[in-house]
Amino acid sequence: MSERKRAPVGGTSRVLLVGTMLSAVAFVVGLGLTFLGVAGGASIASGLGIVVLLVTPAVALVVSAVELRASQPQAAKLAVAVLGVLVVAVGVALFAH
């Protein structure tokens, strides 16, 4: 029986891990600054956490497409398609009030 070779997705895993950790740190900093009474800094830190949390999956899709393009081109195309749907959904949410 032949063994299936696993797709290289180390970069995708790293992007998801780092993005999650960075957003969590930003939220904790924002919470700490709120308790210290530094409203401006808390708002900036929390806003940064939200942006990182929202951008992380999009960056992970790009990295997945790059990692999978040689070994699994159909999966890479699917990652790009999902990214396109995400972009359209964000555009609709932002501009269709």
Protein backbone atom coordinates (compact mmCIF):
# COMPACT_ATOMS: atom_id res chain seq x y z
CA MET A 1 0.00 0.00 0.00
CA SER A 2 1.40 3.39 -0.90
CA GLU A 3 1.60 6.10 1.71
CA ARG A 4 -0.07 9.39 0.92
CA LYS A 5 2.22 12.33 1.11
CA ARG A 6 0.90 15.08 3.36
CA ALA A 7 0.48 18.52 1.89
CA PRO A 8 2.94 21.12 3.18
CA VAL A 9 0.84 23.38 5.38
CA GLY A 10 3.37 24.46 8.00
CA GLY A 11 3.16 28.07 6.90
CA THR A 12 -0.62 28.09 7.17
CA SER A 13 -0.44 26.66 10.67
CA ARG A 14 2.12 29.28 11.67
CA VAL A 15 0.03 32.14 10.29
CA LEU A 16 -3.04 30.95 12.19
CA LEU A 17 -1.07 30.46 15.41
CA VAL A 18 0.77 33.79 15.24
CA GLY A 19 -2.36 35.71 14.24
CA THR A 20 -4.35 34.22 17.08
CA MET A 21 -1.61 34.88 19.61
CA LEU A 22 -1.06 38.47 18.44
CA SER A 23 -4.75 39.27 18.61
CA ALA A 24 -5.03 37.69 22.07
CA VAL A 25 -2.07 39.75 23.32
CA ALA A 26 -3.60 42.92 21.87
CA PHE A 27 -6.92 42.18 23.61
CA VAL A 28 -5.20 41.51 26.93
CA VAL A 29 -3.21 44.74 26.60
CA GLY A 30 -6.42 46.61 25.78
CA LEU A 31 -8.11 45.11 28.83
CA GLY A 32 -5.17 46.01 31.04
CA LEU A 33 -5.11 49.57 29.74
CA THR A 34 -8.84 49.84 30.39
CA PHE A 35 -8.31 48.83 34.02
CA LEU A 36 -5.50 51.39 34.27
CA GLY A 37 -7.79 54.10 32.93
CA VAL A 38 -5.92 54.65 29.66
CA ALA A 39 -8.96 54.71 27.39
CA GLY A 40 -7.16 55.89 24.25
CA GLY A 41 -4.50 53.21 24.44
CA ALA A 42 -7.08 50.56 25.28
CA SER A 43 -9.11 51.49 22.23
CA ILE A 44 -6.06 51.32 19.96
CA ALA A 45 -4.90 47.97 21.37
CA SER A 46 -8.38 46.44 21.15
CA GLY A 47 -8.86 47.78 17.62
CA LEU A 48 -5.53 46.27 16.61
CA GLY A 49 -6.62 42.96 18.09
CA ILE A 50 -9.82 43.02 16.05
CA VAL A 51 -7.98 43.86 12.83
CA VAL A 52 -5.41 41.09 13.36
CA LEU A 53 -8.17 38.62 14.21
CA LEU A 54 -10.07 39.49 11.01
CA VAL A 55 -7.03 39.53 8.72
CA THR A 56 -5.53 36.25 9.99
CA PRO A 57 -7.84 33.88 8.05
CA ALA A 58 -7.36 35.83 4.82
CA VAL A 59 -3.58 35.68 5.14
CA ALA A 60 -3.83 31.97 5.98
CA LEU A 61 -5.81 31.38 2.77
CA VAL A 62 -3.12 33.12 0.72
CA VAL A 63 -0.38 31.08 2.39
CA SER A 64 -2.40 27.88 1.87
CA ALA A 65 -2.78 28.64 -1.83
CA VAL A 66 0.97 29.17 -2.16
CA GLU A 67 1.84 26.05 -0.19
CA LEU A 68 -0.62 23.82 -2.03
CA ARG A 69 -0.13 25.06 -5.59
CA ALA A 70 2.48 22.44 -6.52
CA SER A 71 1.17 19.36 -4.72
CA GLN A 72 -2.58 20.04 -4.79
CA PRO A 73 -3.42 22.67 -7.41
CA GLN A 74 -7.17 22.15 -7.09
CA ALA A 75 -7.02 22.81 -3.34
CA ALA A 76 -4.92 25.92 -4.01
CA LYS A 77 -7.54 27.21 -6.45
CA LEU A 78 -10.25 26.51 -3.89
CA ALA A 79 -8.34 28.54 -1.28
CA VAL A 80 -8.18 31.47 -3.73
CA ALA A 81 -11.90 31.10 -4.46
CA VAL A 82 -12.74 31.17 -0.75
CA LEU A 83 -10.57 34.26 -0.39
CA GLY A 84 -12.51 35.86 -3.24
CA VAL A 85 -15.82 35.09 -1.55
CA LEU A 86 -14.46 36.57 1.68
CA VAL A 87 -13.42 39.76 -0.12
CA VAL A 88 -16.84 40.11 -1.76
CA ALA A 89 -18.60 39.52 1.57
CA VAL A 90 -16.48 42.16 3.29
CA GLY A 91 -17.13 44.59 0.44
CA VAL A 92 -20.86 44.05 0.65
CA ALA A 93 -20.80 44.45 4.44
CA LEU A 94 -18.81 47.68 4.24
CA PHE A 95 -20.51 49.40 1.31
CA ALA A 96 -24.13 48.19 1.30
CA HIS A 97 -25.79 50.00 4.14
